[in-house]
C-alpha atoms as a PDB file:
ATOM      1  CA  UNK A   1      23.486   4.714  -5.973  1.00  0.00           C
ATOM      2  CA  UNK A   2      24.301   3.815  -2.387  1.00  0.00           C
ATOM      3  CA  UNK A   3      27.847   2.388  -2.325  1.00  0.00           C
ATOM      4  CA  UNK A   4      27.089  -0.004   0.555  1.00  0.00           C
ATOM      5  CA  UNK A   5      25.319  -2.350  -1.874  1.00  0.00           C
ATOM      6  CA  UNK A   6      27.548  -4.918  -3.495  1.00  0.00           C
ATOM      7  CA  UNK A   7      25.681  -7.279  -5.808  1.00  0.00           C
ATOM      8  CA  UNK A   8      28.766  -8.474  -7.670  1.00  0.00           C
ATOM      9  CA  UNK A   9      28.225 -12.012  -8.948  1.00  0.00           C
ATOM     10  CA  UNK A  10      24.452 -11.726  -8.623  1.00  0.00           C
ATOM     11  CA  UNK A  11      21.786 -11.453 -11.311  1.00  0.00           C
ATOM     12  CA  UNK A  12      18.760  -9.132 -11.366  1.00  0.00           C
ATOM     13  CA  UNK A  13      15.712  -9.191 -13.654  1.00  0.00           C
ATOM     14  CA  UNK A  14      13.518  -6.101 -14.126  1.00  0.00           C
ATOM     15  CA  UNK A  15      10.273  -5.837 -16.088  1.00  0.00           C
ATOM     16  CA  UNK A  16       9.112  -2.532 -17.514  1.00  0.00           C
ATOM     17  CA  UNK A  17      12.819  -1.765 -17.589  1.00  0.00           C
ATOM     18  CA  UNK A  18      13.027   0.531 -20.603  1.00  0.00           C
ATOM     19  CA  UNK A  19      12.039   3.734 -18.780  1.00  0.00           C
ATOM     20  CA  UNK A  20      10.964   5.292 -15.504  1.00  0.00           C
ATOM     21  CA  UNK A  21      11.301   3.323 -12.283  1.00  0.00           C
ATOM     22  CA  UNK A  22      12.306   0.166 -14.111  1.00  0.00           C
ATOM     23  CA  UNK A  23      15.246   1.783 -15.869  1.00  0.00           C
ATOM     24  CA  UNK A  24      16.324   3.620 -12.708  1.00  0.00           C
ATOM     25  CA  UNK A  25      16.317   0.299 -10.850  1.00  0.00           C
ATOM     26  CA  UNK A  26      18.211  -1.463 -13.635  1.00  0.00           C
ATOM     27  CA  UNK A  27      20.872   1.283 -13.473  1.00  0.00           C
ATOM     28  CA  UNK A  28      21.078   0.966  -9.694  1.00  0.00           C
ATOM     29  CA  UNK A  29      21.518  -2.812  -9.756  1.00  0.00           C
ATOM     30  CA  UNK A  30      24.114  -2.533 -12.526  1.00  0.00           C
ATOM     31  CA  UNK A  31      26.047   0.174 -10.675  1.00  0.00           C
ATOM     32  CA  UNK A  32      26.046  -2.090  -7.607  1.00  0.00           C
ATOM     33  CA  UNK A  33      27.747  -4.822  -9.640  1.00  0.00           C
ATOM     34  CA  UNK A  34      24.868  -7.084 -10.664  1.00  0.00           C
ATOM     35  CA  UNK A  35      24.344  -8.551 -14.107  1.00  0.00           C
ATOM     36  CA  UNK A  36      20.963  -7.226 -15.234  1.00  0.00           C
ATOM     37  CA  UNK A  37      18.237  -8.477 -17.570  1.00  0.00           C
ATOM     38  CA  UNK A  38      15.873  -5.790 -18.851  1.00  0.00           C
ATOM     39  CA  UNK A  39      12.437  -6.876 -20.093  1.00  0.00           C
ATOM     40  CA  UNK A  40       9.984  -4.529 -21.804  1.00  0.00           C
ATOM     41  CA  UNK A  41       7.456  -4.600 -24.647  1.00  0.00           C
ATOM     42  CA  UNK A  42       8.697  -1.295 -26.115  1.00  0.00           C
ATOM     43  CA  UNK A  43      11.503  -2.667 -28.246  1.00  0.00           C
ATOM     44  CA  UNK A  44      12.955   0.681 -29.326  1.00  0.00           C
ATOM     45  CA  UNK A  45      13.138   2.018 -25.772  1.00  0.00           C
ATOM     46  CA  UNK A  46      14.474  -1.324 -24.545  1.00  0.00           C
ATOM     47  CA  UNK A  47      17.238  -1.256 -27.140  1.00  0.00           C
ATOM     48  CA  UNK A  48      18.209   2.287 -26.107  1.00  0.00           C
ATOM     49  CA  UNK A  49      18.252   1.393 -22.398  1.00  0.00           C
ATOM     50  CA  UNK A  50      20.333  -1.724 -23.007  1.00  0.00           C
ATOM     51  CA  UNK A  51      22.812   0.198 -25.142  1.00  0.00           C
ATOM     52  CA  UNK A  52      23.093   2.927 -22.501  1.00  0.00           C
ATOM     53  CA  UNK A  53      23.968   0.477 -19.729  1.00  0.00           C
ATOM     54  CA  UNK A  54      26.271  -1.573 -21.937  1.00  0.00           C
ATOM     55  CA  UNK A  55      28.149   1.575 -22.968  1.00  0.00           C
ATOM     56  CA  UNK A  56      28.621   2.380 -19.286  1.00  0.00           C
ATOM     57  CA  UNK A  57      30.451  -0.948 -18.878  1.00  0.00           C
ATOM     58  CA  UNK A  58      27.689  -2.937 -17.267  1.00  0.00           C
ATOM     59  CA  UNK A  59      26.766  -6.559 -17.950  1.00  0.00           C
ATOM     60  CA  UNK A  60      23.205  -6.364 -19.308  1.00  0.00           C
ATOM     61  CA  UNK A  61      20.881  -7.896 -21.860  1.00  0.00           C
ATOM     62  CA  UNK A  62      17.504  -6.681 -23.081  1.00  0.00           C
ATOM     63  CA  UNK A  63      14.660  -9.081 -23.872  1.00  0.00           C
ATOM     64  CA  UNK A  64      11.399  -7.914 -25.518  1.00  0.00           C
ATOM     65  CA  UNK A  65       8.405  -9.304 -23.665  1.00  0.00           C
ATOM     66  CA  UNK A  66       4.662  -8.952 -23.113  1.00  0.00           C
ATOM     67  CA  UNK A  67       4.479  -9.561 -19.370  1.00  0.00           C
ATOM     68  CA  UNK A  68       0.876 -10.791 -19.550  1.00  0.00           C
ATOM     69  CA  UNK A  69       1.953 -13.778 -21.677  1.00  0.00           C
ATOM     70  CA  UNK A  70       3.128 -16.599 -19.417  1.00  0.00           C
ATOM     71  CA  UNK A  71       5.025 -18.316 -22.223  1.00  0.00           C
ATOM     72  CA  UNK A  72       7.031 -15.158 -22.827  1.00  0.00           C
ATOM     73  CA  UNK A  73       7.607 -14.651 -19.094  1.00  0.00           C
ATOM     74  CA  UNK A  74       8.967 -18.179 -18.739  1.00  0.00           C
ATOM     75  CA  UNK A  75      11.222 -17.588 -21.751  1.00  0.00           C
ATOM     76  CA  UNK A  76      12.696 -14.431 -20.202  1.00  0.00           C
ATOM     77  CA  UNK A  77      13.575 -16.282 -17.000  1.00  0.00           C
ATOM     78  CA  UNK A  78      15.065 -19.123 -19.048  1.00  0.00           C
ATOM     79  CA  UNK A  79      17.109 -16.621 -21.067  1.00  0.00           C
ATOM     80  CA  UNK A  80      18.322 -15.031 -17.830  1.00  0.00           C
ATOM     81  CA  UNK A  81      19.586 -18.343 -16.475  1.00  0.00           C
ATOM     82  CA  UNK A  82      21.064 -19.371 -19.825  1.00  0.00           C
ATOM     83  CA  UNK A  83      22.964 -16.080 -20.024  1.00  0.00           C
ATOM     84  CA  UNK A  84      24.099 -15.628 -16.436  1.00  0.00           C
ATOM     85  CA  UNK A  85      23.626 -18.998 -14.720  1.00  0.00           C
ATOM     86  CA  UNK A  86      21.172 -17.947 -12.020  1.00  0.00           C
ATOM     87  CA  UNK A  87      18.577 -15.433 -10.842  1.00  0.00           C
ATOM     88  CA  UNK A  88      19.016 -13.719  -7.495  1.00  0.00           C
ATOM     89  CA  UNK A  89      16.764 -10.649  -7.571  1.00  0.00           C
ATOM     90  CA  UNK A  90      13.712  -9.527  -9.494  1.00  0.00           C
ATOM     91  CA  UNK A  91      11.704  -6.324  -9.677  1.00  0.00           C
ATOM     92  CA  UNK A  92       8.331  -6.929 -11.330  1.00  0.00           C
ATOM     93  CA  UNK A  93       7.670  -3.347 -12.283  1.00  0.00           C
ATOM     94  CA  UNK A  94       5.766  -3.287 -15.600  1.00  0.00           C
ATOM     95  CA  UNK A  95       2.476  -1.428 -15.340  1.00  0.00           C
ATOM     96  CA  UNK A  96      -0.015   0.785 -17.163  1.00  0.00           C
ATOM     97  CA  UNK A  97      -2.548   3.378 -15.991  1.00  0.00           C
ATOM     98  CA  UNK A  98      -5.434   2.772 -18.345  1.00  0.00           C
ATOM     99  CA  UNK A  99      -8.160   5.361 -19.005  1.00  0.00           C
ATOM    100  CA  UNK A 100      -9.428   7.514 -16.151  1.00  0.00           C
ATOM    101  CA  UNK A 101     -13.144   7.811 -15.466  1.00  0.00           C
ATOM    102  CA  UNK A 102     -16.141   6.793 -13.394  1.00  0.00           C
ATOM    103  CA  UNK A 103     -16.295   3.061 -12.705  1.00  0.00           C
ATOM    104  CA  UNK A 104     -19.525   2.809 -14.694  1.00  0.00           C
ATOM    105  CA  UNK A 105     -17.785   4.290 -17.732  1.00  0.00           C
ATOM    106  CA  UNK A 106     -14.995   1.708 -17.729  1.00  0.00           C
ATOM    107  CA  UNK A 107     -15.275  -0.954 -20.390  1.00  0.00           C
ATOM    108  CA  UNK A 108     -14.581  -4.611 -19.828  1.00  0.00           C
ATOM    109  CA  UNK A 109     -11.847  -4.391 -22.431  1.00  0.00           C
ATOM    110  CA  UNK A 110     -10.068  -1.579 -20.595  1.00  0.00           C
ATOM    111  CA  UNK A 111     -10.428  -3.366 -17.255  1.00  0.00           C
ATOM    112  CA  UNK A 112      -8.940  -6.546 -18.703  1.00  0.00           C
ATOM    113  CA  UNK A 113      -6.056  -4.688 -20.346  1.00  0.00           C
ATOM    114  CA  UNK A 114      -5.052  -2.970 -17.101  1.00  0.00           C
ATOM    115  CA  UNK A 115      -5.242  -6.157 -15.075  1.00  0.00           C
ATOM    116  CA  UNK A 116      -3.452  -8.196 -17.758  1.00  0.00           C
ATOM    117  CA  UNK A 117      -0.334  -6.059 -17.337  1.00  0.00           C
ATOM    118  CA  UNK A 118      -0.522  -4.888 -13.723  1.00  0.00           C
ATOM    119  CA  UNK A 119      -1.754  -8.051 -12.034  1.00  0.00           C
ATOM    120  CA  UNK A 120      -1.374 -11.009 -14.368  1.00  0.00           C
ATOM    121  CA  UNK A 121       1.997  -9.628 -15.488  1.00  0.00           C
ATOM    122  CA  UNK A 122       3.283  -9.696 -11.908  1.00  0.00           C
ATOM    123  CA  UNK A 123       1.887 -13.189 -11.402  1.00  0.00           C
ATOM    124  CA  UNK A 124       3.429 -14.618 -14.580  1.00  0.00           C
ATOM    125  CA  UNK A 125       6.915 -13.354 -13.819  1.00  0.00           C
ATOM    126  CA  UNK A 126       6.817 -14.048 -10.086  1.00  0.00           C
ATOM    127  CA  UNK A 127       5.722 -17.636 -10.759  1.00  0.00           C
ATOM    128  CA  UNK A 128       8.666 -18.390 -13.018  1.00  0.00           C
ATOM    129  CA  UNK A 129      11.153 -16.413 -10.931  1.00  0.00           C
ATOM    130  CA  UNK A 130      10.099 -18.464  -7.922  1.00  0.00           C
ATOM    131  CA  UNK A 131      10.516 -21.714  -9.837  1.00  0.00           C
ATOM    132  CA  UNK A 132      14.142 -20.800 -10.556  1.00  0.00           C
ATOM    133  CA  UNK A 133      14.855 -19.401  -7.096  1.00  0.00           C
ATOM    134  CA  UNK A 134      13.363 -22.503  -5.505  1.00  0.00           C
ATOM    135  CA  UNK A 135      15.981 -24.594  -7.312  1.00  0.00           C
ATOM    136  CA  UNK A 136      18.693 -22.323  -5.936  1.00  0.00           C
ATOM    137  CA  UNK A 137      17.236 -22.088  -2.438  1.00  0.00           C
ATOM    138  CA  UNK A 138      17.591 -18.316  -2.378  1.00  0.00           C
ATOM    139  CA  UNK A 139      16.351 -15.105  -3.928  1.00  0.00           C
ATOM    140  CA  UNK A 140      14.507 -11.831  -3.402  1.00  0.00           C
ATOM    141  CA  UNK A 141      11.525 -10.537  -5.369  1.00  0.00           C
ATOM    142  CA  UNK A 142       9.985  -7.070  -5.241  1.00  0.00           C
ATOM    143  CA  UNK A 143       6.614  -6.511  -6.907  1.00  0.00           C
ATOM    144  CA  UNK A 144       5.490  -3.043  -7.907  1.00  0.00           C
ATOM    145  CA  UNK A 145       2.142  -2.128  -6.404  1.00  0.00           C
ATOM    146  CA  UNK A 146       1.290   1.528  -5.832  1.00  0.00           C
ATOM    147  CA  UNK A 147      -0.255   3.864  -3.316  1.00  0.00           C
ATOM    148  CA  UNK A 148      -3.262   2.760  -5.393  1.00  0.00           C
ATOM    149  CA  UNK A 149      -2.850  -0.630  -3.737  1.00  0.00           C
ATOM    150  CA  UNK A 150      -3.276   0.954  -0.301  1.00  0.00           C
ATOM    151  CA  UNK A 151      -5.999   3.554  -0.869  1.00  0.00           C
ATOM    152  CA  UNK A 152      -8.775   4.326  -3.309  1.00  0.00           C
ATOM    153  CA  UNK A 153      -8.941   7.341  -5.597  1.00  0.00           C
ATOM    154  CA  UNK A 154     -11.877   8.381  -7.752  1.00  0.00           C
ATOM    155  CA  UNK A 155     -11.646   7.577 -11.427  1.00  0.00           C
ATOM    156  CA  UNK A 156      -9.106   4.764 -11.119  1.00  0.00           C
ATOM    157  CA  UNK A 157     -11.150   1.660 -10.265  1.00  0.00           C
ATOM    158  CA  UNK A 158      -9.431  -0.812 -12.607  1.00  0.00           C
ATOM    159  CA  UNK A 159      -5.958   0.482 -11.785  1.00  0.00           C
ATOM    160  CA  UNK A 160      -6.529   0.379  -8.045  1.00  0.00           C
ATOM    161  CA  UNK A 161      -8.100  -3.070  -8.255  1.00  0.00           C
ATOM    162  CA  UNK A 162      -4.992  -4.350 -10.023  1.00  0.00           C
ATOM    163  CA  UNK A 163      -2.618  -2.764  -7.537  1.00  0.00           C
ATOM    164  CA  UNK A 164      -4.546  -4.071  -4.527  1.00  0.00           C
ATOM    165  CA  UNK A 165      -4.275  -7.474  -6.171  1.00  0.00           C
ATOM    166  CA  UNK A 166      -0.496  -7.187  -6.393  1.00  0.00           C
ATOM    167  CA  UNK A 167      -0.308  -6.782  -2.626  1.00  0.00           C
ATOM    168  CA  UNK A 168      -2.432  -9.891  -2.116  1.00  0.00           C
ATOM    169  CA  UNK A 169      -0.194 -11.879  -4.473  1.00  0.00           C
ATOM    170  CA  UNK A 170       2.880 -10.596  -2.678  1.00  0.00           C
ATOM    171  CA  UNK A 171       1.678 -11.535   0.796  1.00  0.00           C
ATOM    172  CA  UNK A 172       0.582 -15.014  -0.224  1.00  0.00           C
ATOM    173  CA  UNK A 173       3.803 -15.757  -2.110  1.00  0.00           C
ATOM    174  CA  UNK A 174       5.859 -14.414   0.792  1.00  0.00           C
ATOM    175  CA  UNK A 175       4.204 -16.922   3.113  1.00  0.00           C
ATOM    176  CA  UNK A 176       4.631 -19.756   0.606  1.00  0.00           C
ATOM    177  CA  UNK A 177       8.372 -19.134   0.382  1.00  0.00           C
ATOM    178  CA  UNK A 178       9.329 -17.687   3.766  1.00  0.00           C
ATOM    179  CA  UNK A 179      10.932 -20.955   4.880  1.00  0.00           C
ATOM    180  CA  UNK A 180      12.538 -21.647   1.502  1.00  0.00           C
ATOM    181  CA  UNK A 181      15.148 -18.903   1.520  1.00  0.00           C
ATOM    182  CA  UNK A 182      13.189 -16.554  -0.758  1.00  0.00           C
ATOM    183  CA  UNK A 183      11.811 -13.178   0.281  1.00  0.00           C
ATOM    184  CA  UNK A 184       8.898 -11.537  -1.549  1.00  0.00           C
ATOM    185  CA  UNK A 185       7.898  -7.929  -0.891  1.00  0.00           C
ATOM    186  CA  UNK A 186       6.207  -5.034  -2.669  1.00  0.00           C
ATOM    187  CA  UNK A 187       6.864  -1.344  -3.094  1.00  0.00           C
ATOM    188  CA  UNK A 188       3.992   1.120  -3.322  1.00  0.00           C
ATOM    189  CA  UNK A 189       5.236   4.206  -5.173  1.00  0.00           C
ATOM    190  CA  UNK A 190       3.284   7.404  -4.889  1.00  0.00           C
ATOM    191  CA  UNK A 191       3.389  10.232  -7.403  1.00  0.00           C
ATOM    192  CA  UNK A 192       6.709   9.643  -9.183  1.00  0.00           C
ATOM    193  CA  UNK A 193       8.129  11.799 -11.966  1.00  0.00           C
ATOM    194  CA  UNK A 194       8.233   9.258 -14.821  1.00  0.00           C
ATOM    195  CA  UNK A 195       6.925   9.077 -18.404  1.00  0.00           C
ATOM    196  CA  UNK A 196       3.937   7.090 -17.129  1.00  0.00           C
ATOM    197  CA  UNK A 197       2.878  10.111 -15.080  1.00  0.00           C
ATOM    198  CA  UNK A 198       2.570  12.137 -18.276  1.00  0.00           C
ATOM    199  CA  UNK A 199      -0.767  10.438 -18.864  1.00  0.00           C
ATOM    200  CA  UNK A 200      -2.320  11.958 -15.734  1.00  0.00           C
ATOM    201  CA  UNK A 201      -4.534  15.015 -16.179  1.00  0.00           C
ATOM    202  CA  UNK A 202      -2.556  18.128 -15.057  1.00  0.00           C
ATOM    203  CA  UNK A 203      -5.473  19.445 -12.984  1.00  0.00           C
ATOM    204  CA  UNK A 204      -5.782  16.105 -11.186  1.00  0.00           C
ATOM    205  CA  UNK A 205      -2.017  16.076 -10.621  1.00  0.00           C
ATOM    206  CA  UNK A 206      -2.088  19.586  -9.136  1.00  0.00           C
ATOM    207  CA  UNK A 207      -4.872  18.591  -6.758  1.00  0.00           C
ATOM    208  CA  UNK A 208      -3.013  15.403  -5.827  1.00  0.00           C
ATOM    209  CA  UNK A 209       0.185  17.262  -4.997  1.00  0.00           C
ATOM    210  CA  UNK A 210      -1.692  19.556  -2.616  1.00  0.00           C
ATOM    211  CA  UNK A 211      -2.113  16.490  -0.389  1.00  0.00           C
ATOM    212  CA  UNK A 212       1.523  15.401  -0.748  1.00  0.00           C
ATOM    213  CA  UNK A 213       3.129  16.085   2.664  1.00  0.00           C
ATOM    214  CA  UNK A 214       6.664  16.225   1.275  1.00  0.00           C
ATOM    215  CA  UNK A 215       5.547  18.885  -1.211  1.00  0.00           C
ATOM    216  CA  UNK A 216       6.995  17.397  -4.405  1.00  0.00           C
ATOM    217  CA  UNK A 217       6.860  14.445  -6.765  1.00  0.00           C
ATOM    218  CA  UNK A 218       9.131  11.505  -6.104  1.00  0.00           C
ATOM    219  CA  UNK A 219      12.092  10.537  -8.259  1.00  0.00           C
ATOM    220  CA  UNK A 220      12.475   7.175  -9.949  1.00  0.00           C
ATOM    221  CA  UNK A 221      15.839   6.783  -8.208  1.00  0.00           C
ATOM    222  CA  UNK A 222      14.099   6.975  -4.830  1.00  0.00           C
ATOM    223  CA  UNK A 223      11.937   3.981  -5.718  1.00  0.00           C
ATOM    224  CA  UNK A 224      15.014   2.152  -7.014  1.00  0.00           C
ATOM    225  CA  UNK A 225      16.737   2.736  -3.667  1.00  0.00           C
ATOM    226  CA  UNK A 226      13.832   1.070  -1.857  1.00  0.00           C
ATOM    227  CA  UNK A 227      13.911  -1.902  -4.251  1.00  0.00           C
ATOM    228  CA  UNK A 228      17.640  -2.406  -3.749  1.00  0.00           C
ATOM    229  CA  UNK A 229      17.252  -2.269   0.018  1.00  0.00           C
ATOM    230  CA  UNK A 230      14.481  -4.878  -0.060  1.00  0.00           C
ATOM    231  CA  UNK A 231      16.758  -7.135  -2.127  1.00  0.00           C
ATOM    232  CA  UNK A 232      19.788  -6.568   0.096  1.00  0.00           C
ATOM    233  CA  UNK A 233      20.992  -8.428   3.196  1.00  0.00           C
ATOM    234  CA  UNK A 234      19.890  -5.378   5.170  1.00  0.00           C
ATOM    235  CA  UNK A 235      16.279  -6.473   4.645  1.00  0.00           C
ATOM    236  CA  UNK A 236      16.915 -10.134   5.475  1.00  0.00           C
ATOM    237  CA  UNK A 237      14.090 -10.225   8.067  1.00  0.00           C
ATOM    238  CA  UNK A 238      11.603  -8.303   5.901  1.00  0.00           C
ATOM    239  CA  UNK A 239       9.041 -10.218   3.883  1.00  0.00           C
ATOM    240  CA  UNK A 240       5.428  -9.792   2.840  1.00  0.00           C
ATOM    241  CA  UNK A 241       5.472  -6.014   3.266  1.00  0.00           C
ATOM    242  CA  UNK A 242       3.879  -3.389   1.023  1.00  0.00           C
ATOM    243  CA  UNK A 243       6.312  -0.515   1.490  1.00  0.00           C
ATOM    244  CA  UNK A 244       4.967   2.978   0.681  1.00  0.00           C
ATOM    245  CA  UNK A 245       7.453   5.158  -1.197  1.00  0.00           C
ATOM    246  CA  UNK A 246       5.087   8.078  -1.464  1.00  0.00           C
ATOM    247  CA  UNK A 247       6.296  11.187   0.335  1.00  0.00           C
ATOM    248  CA  UNK A 248       3.863  10.564   3.184  1.00  0.00           C
ATOM    249  CA  UNK A 249       0.693  10.491   1.097  1.00  0.00           C
ATOM    250  CA  UNK A 250      -0.776   7.330   2.632  1.00  0.00           C
ATOM    251  CA  UNK A 251       0.099   8.446   6.163  1.00  0.00           C
ATOM    252  CA  UNK A 252      -1.568  11.800   5.490  1.00  0.00           C
END
């Protein structure tokens, strides 16, 4: 990752860290010198990710967690502080797609499941990250929204509702903590080549990419680079933004 970042002596927490954008961001923080806490509900994948980073000489721990459970979220933050003494940066990345279909075909159960992870999961972690950062008087949080938080697409009502909600949470929290030394922002990834994207219908993906100005899918490392910048001193005057990392899709 970009060698200008030096997070030595700092601590980062990433949810949904066992694969995709979360794992890429965990690697990037670790390579920049940070101690990293990986949280994910997939225990096997979490174990593999933690072992990979540990074998590379990085200071990391993995903590299984259901992000929608506030008790578990609080416990992860507590474990972070107990292990490393502080919390400087967080990327609240965990998310799911849910089933695709007409809004009238969505069930209440599916709607609740998507929002439990994508929206409540961001809220639970951000709340307890902020409680710790408030004690320190410093910190940077990046929440993962989506281009689905900036536009609407057919067949994704619950998902887009959750991702719009993340942007609202981000803006409100940013204003709450702007004068307290804590910056809160969001990234809005577009079509990124990750395991989560495997659940998208290939025909829908092909149609989507026709409207992608850059002409390709994004890489998880490109989202990680945006997260690190938002957490770095280079973004010290940036707060409350919803940054598209989407190859120009929203602009188009």
